[in-house]
Amino acid sequence: MSEPRGSALDPTGTPSETAGLLTGGVAEVGDFARLDVGRRRRTGVPEVVYADGKTPQQTLQLLAELRLRAPESPALATRCPEEVLRDAPGTFADEPVRVDTRARTVTVGPLPAPRGTVAVLTAGTSDLPVAREAVATLDALGTGSRLYADVGVAGLSRLLSVLAEVRAADCAIVVAGMDGALPSVVTGLLTAPVVGVPASVGYGFADGGRAAAGAMLASCAPGLTVVNIDNGFGAAVHAAKIVGVRAGD
């Protein structure tokens, strides 16, 4: 699909076209939201609904508005409560709907054809909700992924058994709680970029993911990028942009 001149995916526009990226493209939804429907044209990534703190009806209404205003992209909502996960398929009965109860995500609309591959690794099974949020986001952005669960450093042979496959990926997302050691290990083994995601998993001094975040930020493995605690969505967006650049966008 060709992109409009001056967009994030085709940055060769005139100054007036470039300035136009910063104006317009806003859809008012009731008295509670102003959807940035021009975000995909401006940044290459469409607006996504963060459902936490919104009512179920607001989330479903925003998903519907995104599908109306930006039909070229599926509409994604993250951190969805149980009511949204339950009601979305019936609300959008005429469209494909993907609900991931572990990730707490809802995706409405056809998924784009995947390109590239992002390896998504978790240190433990308890990290899977964050990893699955990343996978759902990659799917919505048209980026291929493969999930490798429970390959943490307490049993390093688990990582080594899949290392050849992981090394073939264009980028890796590594989710880890507790001591947060796995992203540093993976970064030291790959040529591809690695995005570390601290997870709010672990006892006591794990401190809701702060220990893992500190370990990743203090990593001696050069090139490790770190996002916020439990932010599988943000990690996926960063990885998708890396894949896009490698594909020549």
Protein backbone atom coordinates (compact mmCIF):
# COMPACT_ATOMS: atom_id res chain seq x y z
CA MET A 1 0.00 0.00 0.00
CA SER A 2 1.47 3.37 -1.02
CA GLU A 3 1.77 6.05 1.63
CA PRO A 4 0.89 9.75 1.21
CA ARG A 5 3.83 12.05 0.48
CA GLY A 6 5.16 13.60 3.64
CA SER A 7 3.96 10.78 5.86
CA ALA A 8 6.16 8.95 8.35
CA LEU A 9 6.36 6.07 5.88
CA ASP A 10 7.15 8.36 2.92
CA PRO A 11 9.01 11.38 4.34
CA THR A 12 9.74 13.07 0.98
CA GLY A 13 6.94 15.65 1.08
CA THR A 14 7.07 19.43 0.71
CA PRO A 15 7.32 21.69 3.78
CA SER A 16 3.59 22.40 3.60
CA GLU A 17 2.84 18.67 3.43
CA THR A 18 5.12 18.06 6.38
CA ALA A 19 3.46 20.85 8.36
CA GLY A 20 0.13 19.26 7.58
CA LEU A 21 1.16 16.21 9.59
CA LEU A 22 0.92 18.33 12.74
CA THR A 23 -2.61 19.61 12.12
CA GLY A 24 -5.97 17.95 11.59
CA GLY A 25 -6.68 14.28 11.97
CA VAL A 26 -8.50 14.66 15.27
CA ALA A 27 -11.90 13.04 15.91
CA GLU A 28 -13.90 14.16 18.94
CA VAL A 29 -15.69 11.25 20.61
CA GLY A 30 -18.43 12.39 22.94
CA ASP A 31 -17.14 14.67 25.66
CA PHE A 32 -14.37 12.33 26.80
CA ALA A 33 -11.80 11.83 24.01
CA ARG A 34 -10.06 13.38 21.02
CA LEU A 35 -8.77 10.55 18.87
CA ASP A 36 -5.52 11.20 17.04
CA VAL A 37 -6.61 9.55 13.80
CA GLY A 38 -3.71 11.13 11.92
CA ARG A 39 -1.11 9.39 14.07
CA ARG A 40 -0.39 6.56 11.65
CA ARG A 41 0.30 9.01 8.83
CA ARG A 42 2.52 11.05 11.12
CA THR A 43 4.42 8.32 12.97
CA GLY A 44 3.72 5.04 11.19
CA VAL A 45 1.81 3.74 14.23
CA PRO A 46 -1.96 4.25 14.68
CA GLU A 47 -3.47 5.41 17.96
CA VAL A 48 -4.23 2.56 20.36
CA VAL A 49 -6.85 2.62 23.10
CA TYR A 50 -5.48 2.25 26.64
CA ALA A 51 -8.58 0.88 28.34
CA ASP A 52 -7.44 1.10 31.95
CA GLY A 53 -9.34 3.95 33.63
CA LYS A 54 -11.97 4.12 30.89
CA THR A 55 -15.47 2.68 31.14
CA PRO A 56 -16.15 -0.40 29.01
CA GLN A 57 -18.55 1.62 26.88
CA GLN A 58 -15.93 4.32 26.26
CA THR A 59 -13.39 1.71 25.18
CA LEU A 60 -15.81 0.02 22.79
CA GLN A 61 -16.90 3.39 21.39
CA LEU A 62 -13.30 4.40 20.77
CA LEU A 63 -12.57 1.12 19.01
CA ALA A 64 -15.59 1.68 16.77
CA GLU A 65 -14.48 5.22 15.98
CA LEU A 66 -10.97 4.08 15.09
CA ARG A 67 -12.36 1.50 12.69
CA LEU A 68 -14.58 4.18 11.11
CA ARG A 69 -11.88 6.84 10.81
CA ALA A 70 -8.86 4.65 10.05
CA PRO A 71 -10.16 1.50 8.36
CA GLU A 72 -6.73 0.74 6.86
CA SER A 73 -5.54 -0.43 10.28
CA PRO A 74 -7.04 -2.77 12.86
CA ALA A 75 -8.13 -1.06 16.08
CA LEU A 76 -6.33 -2.24 19.20
CA ALA A 77 -7.18 -1.78 22.87
CA THR A 78 -4.82 -2.78 25.68
CA ARG A 79 -5.36 -3.34 29.42
CA CYS A 80 -9.00 -4.20 28.83
CA PRO A 81 -11.29 -5.10 31.74
CA GLU A 82 -13.32 -8.29 31.71
CA GLU A 83 -16.44 -6.55 30.37
CA VAL A 84 -14.65 -5.35 27.23
CA LEU A 85 -13.05 -8.75 26.63
CA ARG A 86 -16.49 -10.35 26.95
CA ASP A 87 -18.55 -7.83 24.95
CA ALA A 88 -16.21 -6.97 22.06
CA PRO A 89 -17.06 -9.94 19.79
CA GLY A 90 -20.78 -9.16 19.99
CA THR A 91 -20.26 -5.41 19.57
CA PHE A 92 -18.27 -5.95 16.37
CA ALA A 93 -20.14 -8.96 15.04
CA ASP A 94 -19.45 -8.01 11.41
CA GLU A 95 -15.68 -7.79 11.81
CA PRO A 96 -12.88 -10.13 12.84
CA VAL A 97 -12.23 -9.72 16.57
CA ARG A 98 -9.25 -11.16 18.42
CA VAL A 99 -9.50 -11.30 22.21
CA ASP A 100 -6.54 -12.34 24.34
CA THR A 101 -7.66 -12.71 27.93
CA ARG A 102 -4.09 -13.22 29.21
CA ALA A 103 -2.82 -10.09 27.49
CA ARG A 104 -6.08 -8.22 28.14
CA THR A 105 -6.12 -7.02 24.53
CA VAL A 106 -8.85 -6.66 21.91
CA THR A 107 -8.10 -6.24 18.22
CA VAL A 108 -10.90 -5.32 15.79
CA GLY A 109 -10.51 -5.62 12.04
CA PRO A 110 -8.40 -7.69 9.64
CA LEU A 111 -4.74 -8.01 10.55
CA PRO A 112 -2.18 -6.77 8.02
CA ALA A 113 0.14 -9.30 6.41
CA PRO A 114 3.13 -9.81 8.72
CA ARG A 115 6.63 -8.86 7.71
CA GLY A 116 9.88 -9.48 9.49
CA THR A 117 10.18 -11.43 12.73
CA VAL A 118 10.45 -10.29 16.33
CA ALA A 119 11.46 -12.92 18.88
CA VAL A 120 9.50 -12.40 22.10
CA LEU A 121 11.11 -14.13 25.07
CA THR A 122 10.00 -14.46 28.68
CA ALA A 123 12.17 -15.36 31.63
CA GLY A 124 9.27 -17.20 33.27
CA THR A 125 5.69 -18.25 32.64
CA SER A 126 4.49 -15.48 34.97
CA ASP A 127 5.81 -12.93 32.46
CA LEU A 128 3.48 -14.16 29.71
CA PRO A 129 0.71 -11.52 30.07
CA VAL A 130 3.22 -8.77 29.24
CA ALA A 131 4.75 -10.80 26.41
CA ARG A 132 1.34 -11.56 24.94
CA GLU A 133 0.48 -7.85 24.99
CA ALA A 134 3.61 -7.34 22.90
CA VAL A 135 2.58 -10.10 20.49
CA ALA A 136 -0.93 -8.66 20.09
CA THR A 137 0.55 -5.26 19.34
CA LEU A 138 2.99 -6.67 16.79
CA ASP A 139 0.11 -8.50 15.10
CA ALA A 140 -1.90 -5.27 14.84
CA LEU A 141 1.10 -3.44 13.39
CA GLY A 142 1.75 -6.09 10.76
CA THR A 143 4.98 -7.36 12.29
CA GLY A 144 5.66 -11.09 12.54
CA SER A 145 6.60 -12.60 15.87
CA ARG A 146 7.50 -15.83 17.59
CA LEU A 147 7.03 -16.39 21.32
CA TYR A 148 9.58 -18.26 23.44
CA ALA A 149 8.24 -18.69 26.98
CA ASP A 150 10.09 -19.65 30.15
CA VAL A 151 13.70 -19.42 28.97
CA GLY A 152 15.15 -17.60 31.99
CA VAL A 153 18.68 -17.65 33.37
CA ALA A 154 17.90 -20.08 36.21
CA GLY A 155 18.03 -22.80 33.53
CA LEU A 156 20.23 -21.35 30.81
CA SER A 157 20.02 -24.49 28.68
CA ARG A 158 16.43 -23.50 27.87
CA LEU A 159 17.64 -20.34 26.15
CA LEU A 160 20.52 -22.10 24.42
CA SER A 161 18.12 -24.66 22.95
CA VAL A 162 16.29 -21.95 20.97
CA LEU A 163 19.20 -19.54 20.45
CA ALA A 164 19.70 -20.30 16.75
CA GLU A 165 16.06 -19.39 16.04
CA VAL A 166 16.21 -16.27 18.19
CA ARG A 167 19.39 -15.11 16.44
CA ALA A 168 17.58 -15.26 13.10
CA ALA A 169 15.02 -12.64 14.20
CA ASP A 170 15.16 -8.98 13.16
CA CYS A 171 14.71 -7.84 16.77
CA ALA A 172 14.07 -9.38 20.18
CA ILE A 173 11.78 -8.37 23.03
CA VAL A 174 12.79 -9.89 26.37
CA VAL A 175 10.39 -9.77 29.33
CA ALA A 176 11.76 -10.51 32.79
CA GLY A 177 10.81 -9.87 36.39
CA MET A 178 12.67 -10.78 39.60
CA ASP A 179 16.39 -10.00 38.95
CA GLY A 180 15.75 -8.94 35.34
CA ALA A 181 18.91 -10.67 34.11
CA LEU A 182 17.67 -12.29 30.89
CA PRO A 183 17.71 -9.19 28.60
CA SER A 184 21.40 -8.61 29.35
CA VAL A 185 22.23 -12.23 28.55
CA VAL A 186 20.26 -12.14 25.28
CA THR A 187 21.82 -8.81 24.26
CA GLY A 188 25.24 -10.38 24.66
CA LEU A 189 24.31 -13.18 22.26
CA LEU A 190 22.54 -11.36 19.39
CA THR A 191 23.49 -9.00 16.60
CA ALA A 192 19.86 -7.83 16.38
CA PRO A 193 18.51 -5.04 18.61
CA VAL A 194 17.06 -6.13 21.97
CA VAL A 195 14.28 -4.42 23.91
CA GLY A 196 14.06 -5.27 27.61
CA VAL A 197 10.74 -5.16 29.45
CA PRO A 198 10.86 -5.27 33.27
CA ALA A 199 7.93 -7.26 34.63
CA SER A 200 6.22 -6.72 37.99
CA VAL A 201 6.93 -10.32 39.01
CA GLY A 202 8.81 -11.53 42.08
CA TYR A 203 8.97 -11.51 45.85
CA GLY A 204 9.90 -8.70 48.23
CA PHE A 205 12.88 -6.81 46.90
CA ALA A 206 11.68 -7.36 43.33
CA ASP A 207 9.55 -4.33 44.29
CA GLY A 208 6.93 -4.55 41.57
CA GLY A 209 9.45 -4.67 38.74
CA ARG A 210 11.75 -1.89 39.99
CA ALA A 211 14.61 -4.29 40.69
CA ALA A 212 14.34 -5.71 37.16
CA ALA A 213 14.13 -2.22 35.65
CA GLY A 214 17.21 -1.09 37.57
CA ALA A 215 19.16 -4.16 36.50
CA MET A 216 18.28 -3.63 32.84
CA LEU A 217 19.10 0.09 32.94
CA ALA A 218 22.44 -0.71 34.60
CA SER A 219 23.22 -3.52 32.14
CA CYS A 220 26.80 -3.99 31.01
CA ALA A 221 25.55 -5.42 27.69
CA PRO A 222 25.81 -2.48 25.27
CA GLY A 223 22.84 -1.71 23.08
CA LEU A 224 20.03 -2.95 25.34
CA THR A 225 16.98 -0.67 25.12
CA VAL A 226 14.64 -0.67 28.13
CA VAL A 227 10.98 0.35 28.33
CA ASN A 228 8.76 0.90 31.36
CA ILE A 229 7.62 -1.83 33.75
CA ASP A 230 5.07 -4.20 32.14
CA ASN A 231 5.04 -2.11 28.95
CA GLY A 232 4.74 -4.86 26.36
CA PHE A 233 2.91 -2.43 24.09
CA GLY A 234 5.74 0.10 24.06
CA ALA A 235 8.33 -2.60 23.44
CA ALA A 236 6.34 -3.91 20.48
CA VAL A 237 5.99 -0.47 18.90
CA HIS A 238 9.74 0.08 19.17
CA ALA A 239 10.45 -3.36 17.68
CA ALA A 240 7.96 -2.81 14.85
CA LYS A 241 9.69 0.44 13.94
CA ILE A 242 13.04 -1.36 13.86
CA VAL A 243 11.57 -3.97 11.51
CA GLY A 244 10.09 -1.17 9.38
CA VAL A 245 13.46 0.54 9.03
CA ARG A 246 15.11 -2.75 8.08
CA ALA A 247 12.39 -3.25 5.45
CA GLY A 248 13.17 0.16 3.98
CA ASP A 249 10.23 2.26 5.22
